Amino acid sequence: AAIESIAALKQPTICLMNGSAYGGGLELAMACDFRILVEGAEVGLTEV
């Protein structure tokens, strides 16, 4: 619900990914319109 509330915003959303993002963190980033990721970080949906 928290992530969907961000996805539903009418304004443009930017995710400034200052580090790695996993699971719900990456899901939150994907709910944004733009994603900027720092070098050296990694991402993944590792739930399985």
ModelCIF file with pLDDT and N, C-alpha, C, O atoms, coordinates in Angstrom:
data_MODEL
#
_entry.id   MODEL 
#
_entity.id                         1 
_entity.type                       polymer 
_entity.pdbx_number_of_molecules   1 
#
_entity_poly.entity_id                      1 
_entity_poly.type                           'polypeptide(L)' 
_entity_poly.nstd_linkage                   no 
_entity_poly.nstd_monomer                   no 
_entity_poly.pdbx_seq_one_letter_code       AAIESIAALKQPTICLMNGSAYGGGLELAMACDFRILVEGAEVGLTEV 
_entity_poly.pdbx_seq_one_letter_code_can   AAIESIAALKQPTICLMNGSAYGGGLELAMACDFRILVEGAEVGLTEV 
_entity_poly.pdbx_strand_id                 A 
#
loop_
_entity_poly_seq.entity_id 
_entity_poly_seq.num 
_entity_poly_seq.mon_id 
_entity_poly_seq.hetero 
1 1  ALA n 
1 2  ALA n 
1 3  ILE n 
1 4  GLU n 
1 5  SER n 
1 6  ILE n 
1 7  ALA n 
1 8  ALA n 
1 9  LEU n 
1 10 LYS n 
1 11 GLN n 
1 12 PRO n 
1 13 THR n 
1 14 ILE n 
1 15 CYS n 
1 16 LEU n 
1 17 MET n 
1 18 ASN n 
1 19 GLY n 
1 20 SER n 
1 21 ALA n 
1 22 TYR n 
1 23 GLY n 
1 24 GLY n 
1 25 GLY n 
1 26 LEU n 
1 27 GLU n 
1 28 LEU n 
1 29 ALA n 
1 30 MET n 
1 31 ALA n 
1 32 CYS n 
1 33 ASP n 
1 34 PHE n 
1 35 ARG n 
1 36 ILE n 
1 37 LEU n 
1 38 VAL n 
1 39 GLU n 
1 40 GLY n 
1 41 ALA n 
1 42 GLU n 
1 43 VAL n 
1 44 GLY n 
1 45 LEU n 
1 46 THR n 
1 47 GLU n 
1 48 VAL n 
#
_struct_asym.id          A 
_struct_asym.entity_id   1 
#
loop_
_ma_qa_metric.id 
_ma_qa_metric.mode 
_ma_qa_metric.name 
_ma_qa_metric.software_group_id 
_ma_qa_metric.type 
1 global pLDDT . pLDDT 
2 local  pLDDT . pLDDT 
#
_ma_qa_metric_global.metric_id      1 
_ma_qa_metric_global.metric_value   96.85 
_ma_qa_metric_global.model_id       1 
_ma_qa_metric_global.ordinal_id     1 
#
loop_
_ma_qa_metric_local.label_asym_id 
_ma_qa_metric_local.label_comp_id 
_ma_qa_metric_local.label_seq_id 
_ma_qa_metric_local.metric_id 
_ma_qa_metric_local.metric_value 
_ma_qa_metric_local.model_id 
_ma_qa_metric_local.ordinal_id 
A ALA 1  2 94.00 1 1  
A ALA 2  2 95.00 1 2  
A ILE 3  2 96.00 1 3  
A GLU 4  2 96.00 1 4  
A SER 5  2 97.00 1 5  
A ILE 6  2 97.00 1 6  
A ALA 7  2 97.00 1 7  
A ALA 8  2 96.00 1 8  
A LEU 9  2 97.00 1 9  
A LYS 10 2 96.00 1 10 
A GLN 11 2 96.00 1 11 
A PRO 12 2 97.00 1 12 
A THR 13 2 98.00 1 13 
A ILE 14 2 98.00 1 14 
A CYS 15 2 98.00 1 15 
A LEU 16 2 98.00 1 16 
A MET 17 2 98.00 1 17 
A ASN 18 2 97.00 1 18 
A GLY 19 2 97.00 1 19 
A SER 20 2 97.00 1 20 
A ALA 21 2 97.00 1 21 
A TYR 22 2 96.00 1 22 
A GLY 23 2 95.00 1 23 
A GLY 24 2 95.00 1 24 
A GLY 25 2 96.00 1 25 
A LEU 26 2 98.00 1 26 
A GLU 27 2 98.00 1 27 
A LEU 28 2 98.00 1 28 
A ALA 29 2 98.00 1 29 
A MET 30 2 98.00 1 30 
A ALA 31 2 98.00 1 31 
A CYS 32 2 98.00 1 32 
A ASP 33 2 98.00 1 33 
A PHE 34 2 98.00 1 34 
A ARG 35 2 98.00 1 35 
A ILE 36 2 98.00 1 36 
A LEU 37 2 98.00 1 37 
A VAL 38 2 98.00 1 38 
A GLU 39 2 97.00 1 39 
A GLY 40 2 96.00 1 40 
A ALA 41 2 97.00 1 41 
A GLU 42 2 97.00 1 42 
A VAL 43 2 98.00 1 43 
A GLY 44 2 97.00 1 44 
A LEU 45 2 97.00 1 45 
A THR 46 2 94.00 1 46 
A GLU 47 2 93.00 1 47 
A VAL 48 2 95.00 1 48 
#
loop_
_atom_site.group_PDB 
_atom_site.id 
_atom_site.type_symbol 
_atom_site.label_atom_id 
_atom_site.label_alt_id 
_atom_site.label_comp_id 
_atom_site.label_asym_id 
_atom_site.label_entity_id 
_atom_site.label_seq_id 
_atom_site.pdbx_PDB_ins_code 
_atom_site.Cartn_x 
_atom_site.Cartn_y 
_atom_site.Cartn_z 
_atom_site.occupancy 
_atom_site.B_iso_or_equiv 
_atom_site.pdbx_formal_charge 
_atom_site.auth_seq_id 
_atom_site.auth_comp_id 
_atom_site.auth_asym_id 
_atom_site.auth_atom_id 
_atom_site.pdbx_PDB_model_num 
ATOM 1   N N  . ALA A 1 1  ? 0.829  -1.207  0.000   1.00 94.00 ? 1  ALA A N  1 
ATOM 2   C CA . ALA A 1 1  ? 0.000  0.000   0.000   1.00 94.00 ? 1  ALA A CA 1 
ATOM 3   C C  . ALA A 1 1  ? 0.864  1.258   0.000   1.00 94.00 ? 1  ALA A C  1 
ATOM 4   O O  . ALA A 1 1  ? 0.548  2.232   -0.682  1.00 94.00 ? 1  ALA A O  1 
ATOM 5   N N  . ALA A 1 2  ? 1.954  1.234   0.767   1.00 95.00 ? 2  ALA A N  1 
ATOM 6   C CA . ALA A 1 2  ? 2.852  2.391   0.802   1.00 95.00 ? 2  ALA A CA 1 
ATOM 7   C C  . ALA A 1 2  ? 3.482  2.626   -0.564  1.00 95.00 ? 2  ALA A C  1 
ATOM 8   O O  . ALA A 1 2  ? 3.563  3.761   -1.034  1.00 95.00 ? 2  ALA A O  1 
ATOM 9   N N  . ILE A 1 3  ? 3.927  1.546   -1.197  1.00 96.00 ? 3  ILE A N  1 
ATOM 10  C CA . ILE A 1 3  ? 4.556  1.675   -2.506  1.00 96.00 ? 3  ILE A CA 1 
ATOM 11  C C  . ILE A 1 3  ? 3.543  2.119   -3.557  1.00 96.00 ? 3  ILE A C  1 
ATOM 12  O O  . ILE A 1 3  ? 3.855  2.953   -4.407  1.00 96.00 ? 3  ILE A O  1 
ATOM 13  N N  . GLU A 1 4  ? 2.346  1.571   -3.502  1.00 96.00 ? 4  GLU A N  1 
ATOM 14  C CA . GLU A 1 4  ? 1.314  1.971   -4.459  1.00 96.00 ? 4  GLU A CA 1 
ATOM 15  C C  . GLU A 1 4  ? 0.926  3.434   -4.284  1.00 96.00 ? 4  GLU A C  1 
ATOM 16  O O  . GLU A 1 4  ? 0.583  4.108   -5.256  1.00 96.00 ? 4  GLU A O  1 
ATOM 17  N N  . SER A 1 5  ? 0.979  3.925   -3.055  1.00 97.00 ? 5  SER A N  1 
ATOM 18  C CA . SER A 1 5  ? 0.638  5.333   -2.825  1.00 97.00 ? 5  SER A CA 1 
ATOM 19  C C  . SER A 1 5  ? 1.652  6.247   -3.492  1.00 97.00 ? 5  SER A C  1 
ATOM 20  O O  . SER A 1 5  ? 1.301  7.334   -3.949  1.00 97.00 ? 5  SER A O  1 
ATOM 21  N N  . ILE A 1 6  ? 2.900  5.817   -3.552  1.00 97.00 ? 6  ILE A N  1 
ATOM 22  C CA . ILE A 1 6  ? 3.925  6.590   -4.264  1.00 97.00 ? 6  ILE A CA 1 
ATOM 23  C C  . ILE A 1 6  ? 3.720  6.469   -5.770  1.00 97.00 ? 6  ILE A C  1 
ATOM 24  O O  . ILE A 1 6  ? 3.828  7.454   -6.501  1.00 97.00 ? 6  ILE A O  1 
ATOM 25  N N  . ALA A 1 7  ? 3.422  5.255   -6.228  1.00 97.00 ? 7  ALA A N  1 
ATOM 26  C CA . ALA A 1 7  ? 3.205  5.036   -7.662  1.00 97.00 ? 7  ALA A CA 1 
ATOM 27  C C  . ALA A 1 7  ? 2.028  5.843   -8.184  1.00 97.00 ? 7  ALA A C  1 
ATOM 28  O O  . ALA A 1 7  ? 2.021  6.251   -9.345  1.00 97.00 ? 7  ALA A O  1 
ATOM 29  N N  . ALA A 1 8  ? 1.029  6.077   -7.332  1.00 96.00 ? 8  ALA A N  1 
ATOM 30  C CA . ALA A 1 8  ? -0.192 6.755   -7.759  1.00 96.00 ? 8  ALA A CA 1 
ATOM 31  C C  . ALA A 1 8  ? -0.077 8.274   -7.779  1.00 96.00 ? 8  ALA A C  1 
ATOM 32  O O  . ALA A 1 8  ? -1.010 8.950   -8.214  1.00 96.00 ? 8  ALA A O  1 
ATOM 33  N N  . LEU A 1 9  ? 1.039  8.826   -7.322  1.00 97.00 ? 9  LEU A N  1 
ATOM 34  C CA . LEU A 1 9  ? 1.182  10.280  -7.298  1.00 97.00 ? 9  LEU A CA 1 
ATOM 35  C C  . LEU A 1 9  ? 1.099  10.853  -8.703  1.00 97.00 ? 9  LEU A C  1 
ATOM 36  O O  . LEU A 1 9  ? 1.650  10.287  -9.648  1.00 97.00 ? 9  LEU A O  1 
ATOM 37  N N  . LYS A 1 10 ? 0.413  11.968  -8.833  1.00 96.00 ? 10 LYS A N  1 
ATOM 38  C CA . LYS A 1 10 ? 0.277  12.602  -10.155 1.00 96.00 ? 10 LYS A CA 1 
ATOM 39  C C  . LYS A 1 10 ? 1.556  13.312  -10.566 1.00 96.00 ? 10 LYS A C  1 
ATOM 40  O O  . LYS A 1 10 ? 1.843  13.447  -11.755 1.00 96.00 ? 10 LYS A O  1 
ATOM 41  N N  . GLN A 1 11 ? 2.323  13.767  -9.582  1.00 96.00 ? 11 GLN A N  1 
ATOM 42  C CA . GLN A 1 11 ? 3.563  14.480  -9.879  1.00 96.00 ? 11 GLN A CA 1 
ATOM 43  C C  . GLN A 1 11 ? 4.651  13.499  -10.326 1.00 96.00 ? 11 GLN A C  1 
ATOM 44  O O  . GLN A 1 11 ? 4.608  12.322  -9.966  1.00 96.00 ? 11 GLN A O  1 
ATOM 45  N N  . PRO A 1 12 ? 5.629  13.979  -11.111 1.00 97.00 ? 12 PRO A N  1 
ATOM 46  C CA . PRO A 1 12 ? 6.764  13.125  -11.454 1.00 97.00 ? 12 PRO A CA 1 
ATOM 47  C C  . PRO A 1 12 ? 7.569  12.767  -10.211 1.00 97.00 ? 12 PRO A C  1 
ATOM 48  O O  . PRO A 1 12 ? 7.762  13.602  -9.327  1.00 97.00 ? 12 PRO A O  1 
ATOM 49  N N  . THR A 1 13 ? 8.033  11.532  -10.147 1.00 98.00 ? 13 THR A N  1 
ATOM 50  C CA . THR A 1 13 ? 8.778  11.053  -8.993  1.00 98.00 ? 13 THR A CA 1 
ATOM 51  C C  . THR A 1 13 ? 10.160 10.572  -9.441  1.00 98.00 ? 13 THR A C  1 
ATOM 52  O O  . THR A 1 13 ? 10.308 9.899   -10.461 1.00 98.00 ? 13 THR A O  1 
ATOM 53  N N  . ILE A 1 14 ? 11.152 10.937  -8.652  1.00 98.00 ? 14 ILE A N  1 
ATOM 54  C CA . ILE A 1 14 ? 12.545 10.562  -8.925  1.00 98.00 ? 14 ILE A CA 1 
ATOM 55  C C  . ILE A 1 14 ? 13.061 9.739   -7.757  1.00 98.00 ? 14 ILE A C  1 
ATOM 56  O O  . ILE A 1 14 ? 12.953 10.164  -6.607  1.00 98.00 ? 14 ILE A O  1 
ATOM 57  N N  . CYS A 1 15 ? 13.612 8.583   -8.031  1.00 98.00 ? 15 CYS A N  1 
ATOM 58  C CA . CYS A 1 15 ? 14.244 7.788   -6.985  1.00 98.00 ? 15 CYS A CA 1 
ATOM 59  C C  . CYS A 1 15 ? 15.749 7.974   -7.094  1.00 98.00 ? 15 CYS A C  1 
ATOM 60  O O  . CYS A 1 15 ? 16.369 7.545   -8.067  1.00 98.00 ? 15 CYS A O  1 
ATOM 61  N N  . LEU A 1 16 ? 16.322 8.606   -6.105  1.00 98.00 ? 16 LEU A N  1 
ATOM 62  C CA . LEU A 1 16 ? 17.768 8.800   -6.024  1.00 98.00 ? 16 LEU A CA 1 
ATOM 63  C C  . LEU A 1 16 ? 18.323 7.635   -5.206  1.00 98.00 ? 16 LEU A C  1 
ATOM 64  O O  . LEU A 1 16 ? 18.308 7.669   -3.976  1.00 98.00 ? 16 LEU A O  1 
ATOM 65  N N  . MET A 1 17 ? 18.805 6.619   -5.889  1.00 98.00 ? 17 MET A N  1 
ATOM 66  C CA . MET A 1 17 ? 19.237 5.384   -5.245  1.00 98.00 ? 17 MET A CA 1 
ATOM 67  C C  . MET A 1 17 ? 20.692 5.531   -4.819  1.00 98.00 ? 17 MET A C  1 
ATOM 68  O O  . MET A 1 17 ? 21.617 5.263   -5.586  1.00 98.00 ? 17 MET A O  1 
ATOM 69  N N  . ASN A 1 18 ? 20.866 5.965   -3.572  1.00 97.00 ? 18 ASN A N  1 
ATOM 70  C CA . ASN A 1 18 ? 22.184 6.264   -3.032  1.00 97.00 ? 18 ASN A CA 1 
ATOM 71  C C  . ASN A 1 18 ? 22.971 5.014   -2.653  1.00 97.00 ? 18 ASN A C  1 
ATOM 72  O O  . ASN A 1 18 ? 24.102 5.112   -2.177  1.00 97.00 ? 18 ASN A O  1 
ATOM 73  N N  . GLY A 1 19 ? 22.378 3.846   -2.860  1.00 97.00 ? 19 GLY A N  1 
ATOM 74  C CA . GLY A 1 19 ? 23.028 2.579   -2.544  1.00 97.00 ? 19 GLY A CA 1 
ATOM 75  C C  . GLY A 1 19 ? 22.198 1.445   -3.118  1.00 97.00 ? 19 GLY A C  1 
ATOM 76  O O  . GLY A 1 19 ? 21.297 1.667   -3.926  1.00 97.00 ? 19 GLY A O  1 
ATOM 77  N N  . SER A 1 20 ? 22.506 0.240   -2.698  1.00 97.00 ? 20 SER A N  1 
ATOM 78  C CA . SER A 1 20 ? 21.837 -0.943  -3.229  1.00 97.00 ? 20 SER A CA 1 
ATOM 79  C C  . SER A 1 20 ? 20.372 -0.984  -2.818  1.00 97.00 ? 20 SER A C  1 
ATOM 80  O O  . SER A 1 20 ? 19.970 -0.364  -1.834  1.00 97.00 ? 20 SER A O  1 
ATOM 81  N N  . ALA A 1 21 ? 19.583 -1.727  -3.592  1.00 97.00 ? 21 ALA A N  1 
ATOM 82  C CA . ALA A 1 21 ? 18.151 -1.854  -3.318  1.00 97.00 ? 21 ALA A CA 1 
ATOM 83  C C  . ALA A 1 21 ? 17.731 -3.288  -3.571  1.00 97.00 ? 21 ALA A C  1 
ATOM 84  O O  . ALA A 1 21 ? 17.996 -3.848  -4.634  1.00 97.00 ? 21 ALA A O  1 
ATOM 85  N N  . TYR A 1 22 ? 17.076 -3.874  -2.583  1.00 96.00 ? 22 TYR A N  1 
ATOM 86  C CA . TYR A 1 22 ? 16.615 -5.255  -2.695  1.00 96.00 ? 22 TYR A CA 1 
ATOM 87  C C  . TYR A 1 22 ? 15.140 -5.343  -2.311  1.00 96.00 ? 22 TYR A C  1 
ATOM 88  O O  . TYR A 1 22 ? 14.630 -4.512  -1.559  1.00 96.00 ? 22 TYR A O  1 
ATOM 89  N N  . GLY A 1 23 ? 14.464 -6.360  -2.839  1.00 95.00 ? 23 GLY A N  1 
ATOM 90  C CA . GLY A 1 23 ? 13.089 -6.624  -2.437  1.00 95.00 ? 23 GLY A CA 1 
ATOM 91  C C  . GLY A 1 23 ? 12.213 -5.393  -2.522  1.00 95.00 ? 23 GLY A C  1 
ATOM 92  O O  . GLY A 1 23 ? 12.123 -4.747  -3.566  1.00 95.00 ? 23 GLY A O  1 
ATOM 93  N N  . GLY A 1 24 ? 11.570 -5.077  -1.414  1.00 95.00 ? 24 GLY A N  1 
ATOM 94  C CA . GLY A 1 24 ? 10.676 -3.931  -1.367  1.00 95.00 ? 24 GLY A CA 1 
ATOM 95  C C  . GLY A 1 24 ? 11.365 -2.617  -1.676  1.00 95.00 ? 24 GLY A C  1 
ATOM 96  O O  . GLY A 1 24 ? 10.721 -1.674  -2.134  1.00 95.00 ? 24 GLY A O  1 
ATOM 97  N N  . GLY A 1 25 ? 12.665 -2.539  -1.433  1.00 96.00 ? 25 GLY A N  1 
ATOM 98  C CA . GLY A 1 25 ? 13.393 -1.322  -1.778  1.00 96.00 ? 25 GLY A CA 1 
ATOM 99  C C  . GLY A 1 25 ? 13.445 -1.106  -3.275  1.00 96.00 ? 25 GLY A C  1 
ATOM 100 O O  . GLY A 1 25 ? 13.273 0.015   -3.754  1.00 96.00 ? 25 GLY A O  1 
ATOM 101 N N  . LEU A 1 26 ? 13.682 -2.184  -4.020  1.00 98.00 ? 26 LEU A N  1 
ATOM 102 C CA . LEU A 1 26 ? 13.671 -2.071  -5.484  1.00 98.00 ? 26 LEU A CA 1 
ATOM 103 C C  . LEU A 1 26 ? 12.246 -1.874  -5.987  1.00 98.00 ? 26 LEU A C  1 
ATOM 104 O O  . LEU A 1 26 ? 12.034 -1.163  -6.969  1.00 98.00 ? 26 LEU A O  1 
ATOM 105 N N  . GLU A 1 27 ? 11.268 -2.492  -5.330  1.00 98.00 ? 27 GLU A N  1 
ATOM 106 C CA . GLU A 1 27 ? 9.872  -2.287  -5.724  1.00 98.00 ? 27 GLU A CA 1 
ATOM 107 C C  . GLU A 1 27 ? 9.469  -0.818  -5.538  1.00 98.00 ? 27 GLU A C  1 
ATOM 108 O O  . GLU A 1 27 ? 8.735  -0.265  -6.357  1.00 98.00 ? 27 GLU A O  1 
ATOM 109 N N  . LEU A 1 28 ? 9.949  -0.196  -4.469  1.00 98.00 ? 28 LEU A N  1 
ATOM 110 C CA . LEU A 1 28 ? 9.689  1.226   -4.258  1.00 98.00 ? 28 LEU A CA 1 
ATOM 111 C C  . LEU A 1 28 ? 10.339 2.052   -5.363  1.00 98.00 ? 28 LEU A C  1 
ATOM 112 O O  . LEU A 1 28 ? 9.726  2.980   -5.890  1.00 98.00 ? 28 LEU A O  1 
ATOM 113 N N  . ALA A 1 29 ? 11.569 1.719   -5.713  1.00 98.00 ? 29 ALA A N  1 
ATOM 114 C CA . ALA A 1 29 ? 12.263 2.454   -6.786  1.00 98.00 ? 29 ALA A CA 1 
ATOM 115 C C  . ALA A 1 29 ? 11.530 2.296   -8.113  1.00 98.00 ? 29 ALA A C  1 
ATOM 116 O O  . ALA A 1 29 ? 11.392 3.263   -8.862  1.00 98.00 ? 29 ALA A O  1 
ATOM 117 N N  . MET A 1 30 ? 11.061 1.090   -8.409  1.00 98.00 ? 30 MET A N  1 
ATOM 118 C CA . MET A 1 30 ? 10.369 0.847   -9.676  1.00 98.00 ? 30 MET A CA 1 
ATOM 119 C C  . MET A 1 30 ? 9.020  1.551   -9.729  1.00 98.00 ? 30 MET A C  1 
ATOM 120 O O  . MET A 1 30 ? 8.477  1.762   -10.814 1.00 98.00 ? 30 MET A O  1 
ATOM 121 N N  . ALA A 1 31 ? 8.474  1.914   -8.579  1.00 98.00 ? 31 ALA A N  1 
ATOM 122 C CA . ALA A 1 31 ? 7.212  2.644   -8.543  1.00 98.00 ? 31 ALA A CA 1 
ATOM 123 C C  . ALA A 1 31 ? 7.395  4.118   -8.890  1.00 98.00 ? 31 ALA A C  1 
ATOM 124 O O  . ALA A 1 31 ? 6.417  4.839   -9.085  1.00 98.00 ? 31 ALA A O  1 
ATOM 125 N N  . CYS A 1 32 ? 8.646  4.563   -8.967  1.00 98.00 ? 32 CYS A N  1 
ATOM 126 C CA . CYS A 1 32 ? 8.942  5.953   -9.323  1.00 98.00 ? 32 CYS A CA 1 
ATOM 127 C C  . CYS A 1 32 ? 9.114  6.074   -10.837 1.00 98.00 ? 32 CYS A C  1 
ATOM 128 O O  . CYS A 1 32 ? 9.340  5.085   -11.535 1.00 98.00 ? 32 CYS A O  1 
ATOM 129 N N  . ASP A 1 33 ? 9.002  7.298   -11.323 1.00 98.00 ? 33 ASP A N  1 
ATOM 130 C CA . ASP A 1 33 ? 9.096  7.545   -12.764 1.00 98.00 ? 33 ASP A CA 1 
ATOM 131 C C  . ASP A 1 33 ? 10.527 7.503   -13.271 1.00 98.00 ? 33 ASP A C  1 
ATOM 132 O O  . ASP A 1 33 ? 10.778 7.056   -14.390 1.00 98.00 ? 33 ASP A O  1 
ATOM 133 N N  . PHE A 1 34 ? 11.462 7.962   -12.461 1.00 98.00 ? 34 PHE A N  1 
ATOM 134 C CA . PHE A 1 34 ? 12.872 8.019   -12.856 1.00 98.00 ? 34 PHE A CA 1 
ATOM 135 C C  . PHE A 1 34 ? 13.726 7.406   -11.752 1.00 98.00 ? 34 PHE A C  1 
ATOM 136 O O  . PHE A 1 34 ? 13.441 7.573   -10.566 1.00 98.00 ? 34 PHE A O  1 
ATOM 137 N N  . ARG A 1 35 ? 14.779 6.691   -12.158 1.00 98.00 ? 35 ARG A N  1 
ATOM 138 C CA . ARG A 1 35 ? 15.666 6.043   -11.198 1.00 98.00 ? 35 ARG A CA 1 
ATOM 139 C C  . ARG A 1 35 ? 17.118 6.374   -11.538 1.00 98.00 ? 35 ARG A C  1 
ATOM 140 O O  . ARG A 1 35 ? 17.592 6.093   -12.639 1.00 98.00 ? 35 ARG A O  1 
ATOM 141 N N  . ILE A 1 36 ? 17.812 6.974   -10.578 1.00 98.00 ? 36 ILE A N  1 
ATOM 142 C CA . ILE A 1 36 ? 19.228 7.277   -10.710 1.00 98.00 ? 36 ILE A CA 1 
ATOM 143 C C  . ILE A 1 36 ? 19.969 6.461   -9.659  1.00 98.00 ? 36 ILE A C  1 
ATOM 144 O O  . ILE A 1 36 ? 19.688 6.580   -8.467  1.00 98.00 ? 36 ILE A O  1 
ATOM 145 N N  . LEU A 1 37 ? 20.921 5.629   -10.100 1.00 98.00 ? 37 LEU A N  1 
ATOM 146 C CA . LEU A 1 37 ? 21.600 4.681   -9.214  1.00 98.00 ? 37 LEU A CA 1 
ATOM 147 C C  . LEU A 1 37 ? 23.078 5.029   -9.108  1.00 98.00 ? 37 LEU A C  1 
ATOM 148 O O  . LEU A 1 37 ? 23.716 5.402   -10.093 1.00 98.00 ? 37 LEU A O  1 
ATOM 149 N N  . VAL A 1 38 ? 23.607 4.900   -7.907  1.00 98.00 ? 38 VAL A N  1 
ATOM 150 C CA . VAL A 1 38 ? 25.022 5.185   -7.677  1.00 98.00 ? 38 VAL A CA 1 
ATOM 151 C C  . VAL A 1 38 ? 25.887 4.032   -8.190  1.00 98.00 ? 38 VAL A C  1 
ATOM 152 O O  . VAL A 1 38 ? 25.507 2.864   -8.105  1.00 98.00 ? 38 VAL A O  1 
ATOM 153 N N  . GLU A 1 39 ? 27.039 4.380   -8.715  1.00 97.00 ? 39 GLU A N  1 
ATOM 154 C CA . GLU A 1 39 ? 28.003 3.367   -9.151  1.00 97.00 ? 39 GLU A CA 1 
ATOM 155 C C  . GLU A 1 39 ? 28.389 2.458   -7.987  1.00 97.00 ? 39 GLU A C  1 
ATOM 156 O O  . GLU A 1 39 ? 28.504 2.903   -6.845  1.00 97.00 ? 39 GLU A O  1 
ATOM 157 N N  . GLY A 1 40 ? 28.584 1.199   -8.292  1.00 96.00 ? 40 GLY A N  1 
ATOM 158 C CA . GLY A 1 40 ? 29.027 0.257   -7.267  1.00 96.00 ? 40 GLY A CA 1 
ATOM 159 C C  . GLY A 1 40 ? 27.903 -0.413  -6.509  1.00 96.00 ? 40 GLY A C  1 
ATOM 160 O O  . GLY A 1 40 ? 28.141 -1.353  -5.751  1.00 96.00 ? 40 GLY A O  1 
ATOM 161 N N  . ALA A 1 41 ? 26.681 0.057   -6.701  1.00 97.00 ? 41 ALA A N  1 
ATOM 162 C CA . ALA A 1 41 ? 25.533 -0.547  -6.016  1.00 97.00 ? 41 ALA A CA 1 
ATOM 163 C C  . ALA A 1 41 ? 25.037 -1.747  -6.814  1.00 97.00 ? 41 ALA A C  1 
ATOM 164 O O  . ALA A 1 41 ? 25.435 -1.953  -7.960  1.00 97.00 ? 41 ALA A O  1 
ATOM 165 N N  . GLU A 1 42 ? 24.174 -2.527  -6.200  1.00 97.00 ? 42 GLU A N  1 
ATOM 166 C CA . GLU A 1 42 ? 23.518 -3.614  -6.907  1.00 97.00 ? 42 GLU A CA 1 
ATOM 167 C C  . GLU A 1 42 ? 22.048 -3.638  -6.519  1.00 97.00 ? 42 GLU A C  1 
ATOM 168 O O  . GLU A 1 42 ? 21.652 -3.084  -5.493  1.00 97.00 ? 42 GLU A O  1 
ATOM 169 N N  . VAL A 1 43 ? 21.247 -4.285  -7.353  1.00 98.00 ? 43 VAL A N  1 
ATOM 170 C CA . VAL A 1 43 ? 19.812 -4.339  -7.117  1.00 98.00 ? 43 VAL A CA 1 
ATOM 171 C C  . VAL A 1 43 ? 19.309 -5.760  -7.372  1.00 98.00 ? 43 VAL A C  1 
ATOM 172 O O  . VAL A 1 43 ? 19.938 -6.540  -8.086  1.00 98.00 ? 43 VAL A O  1 
ATOM 173 N N  . GLY A 1 44 ? 18.167 -6.074  -6.775  1.00 97.00 ? 44 GLY A N  1 
ATOM 174 C CA . GLY A 1 44 ? 17.599 -7.385  -7.026  1.00 97.00 ? 44 GLY A CA 1 
ATOM 175 C C  . GLY A 1 44 ? 16.314 -7.615  -6.257  1.00 97.00 ? 44 GLY A C  1 
ATOM 176 O O  . GLY A 1 44 ? 16.093 -7.054  -5.184  1.00 97.00 ? 44 GLY A O  1 
ATOM 177 N N  . LEU A 1 45 ? 15.475 -8.457  -6.838  1.00 97.00 ? 45 LEU A N  1 
ATOM 178 C CA . LEU A 1 45 ? 14.294 -8.966  -6.133  1.00 97.00 ? 45 LEU A CA 1 
ATOM 179 C C  . LEU A 1 45 ? 14.665 -10.383 -5.682  1.00 97.00 ? 45 LEU A C  1 
ATOM 180 O O  . LEU A 1 45 ? 14.542 -11.347 -6.438  1.00 97.00 ? 45 LEU A O  1 
ATOM 181 N N  . THR A 1 46 ? 15.109 -10.479 -4.465  1.00 94.00 ? 46 THR A N  1 
ATOM 182 C CA . THR A 1 46 ? 15.731 -11.712 -3.962  1.00 94.00 ? 46 THR A CA 1 
ATOM 183 C C  . THR A 1 46 ? 14.800 -12.562 -3.105  1.00 94.00 ? 46 THR A C  1 
ATOM 184 O O  . THR A 1 46 ? 15.250 -13.474 -2.411  1.00 94.00 ? 46 THR A O  1 
ATOM 185 N N  . GLU A 1 47 ? 13.513 -12.265 -3.153  1.00 93.00 ? 47 GLU A N  1 
ATOM 186 C CA . GLU A 1 47 ? 12.574 -12.911 -2.228  1.00 93.00 ? 47 GLU A CA 1 
ATOM 187 C C  . GLU A 1 47 ? 12.545 -14.431 -2.331  1.00 93.00 ? 47 GLU A C  1 
ATOM 188 O O  . GLU A 1 47 ? 12.377 -15.109 -1.317  1.00 93.00 ? 47 GLU A O  1 
ATOM 189 N N  . VAL A 1 48 ? 12.705 -14.986 -3.546  1.00 95.00 ? 48 VAL A N  1 
ATOM 190 C CA . VAL A 1 48 ? 12.606 -16.449 -3.677  1.00 95.00 ? 48 VAL A CA 1 
ATOM 191 C C  . VAL A 1 48 ? 13.697 -17.155 -2.888  1.00 95.00 ? 48 VAL A C  1 
ATOM 192 O O  . VAL A 1 48 ? 13.762 -18.384 -2.887  1.00 95.00 ? 48 VAL A O  1 
#
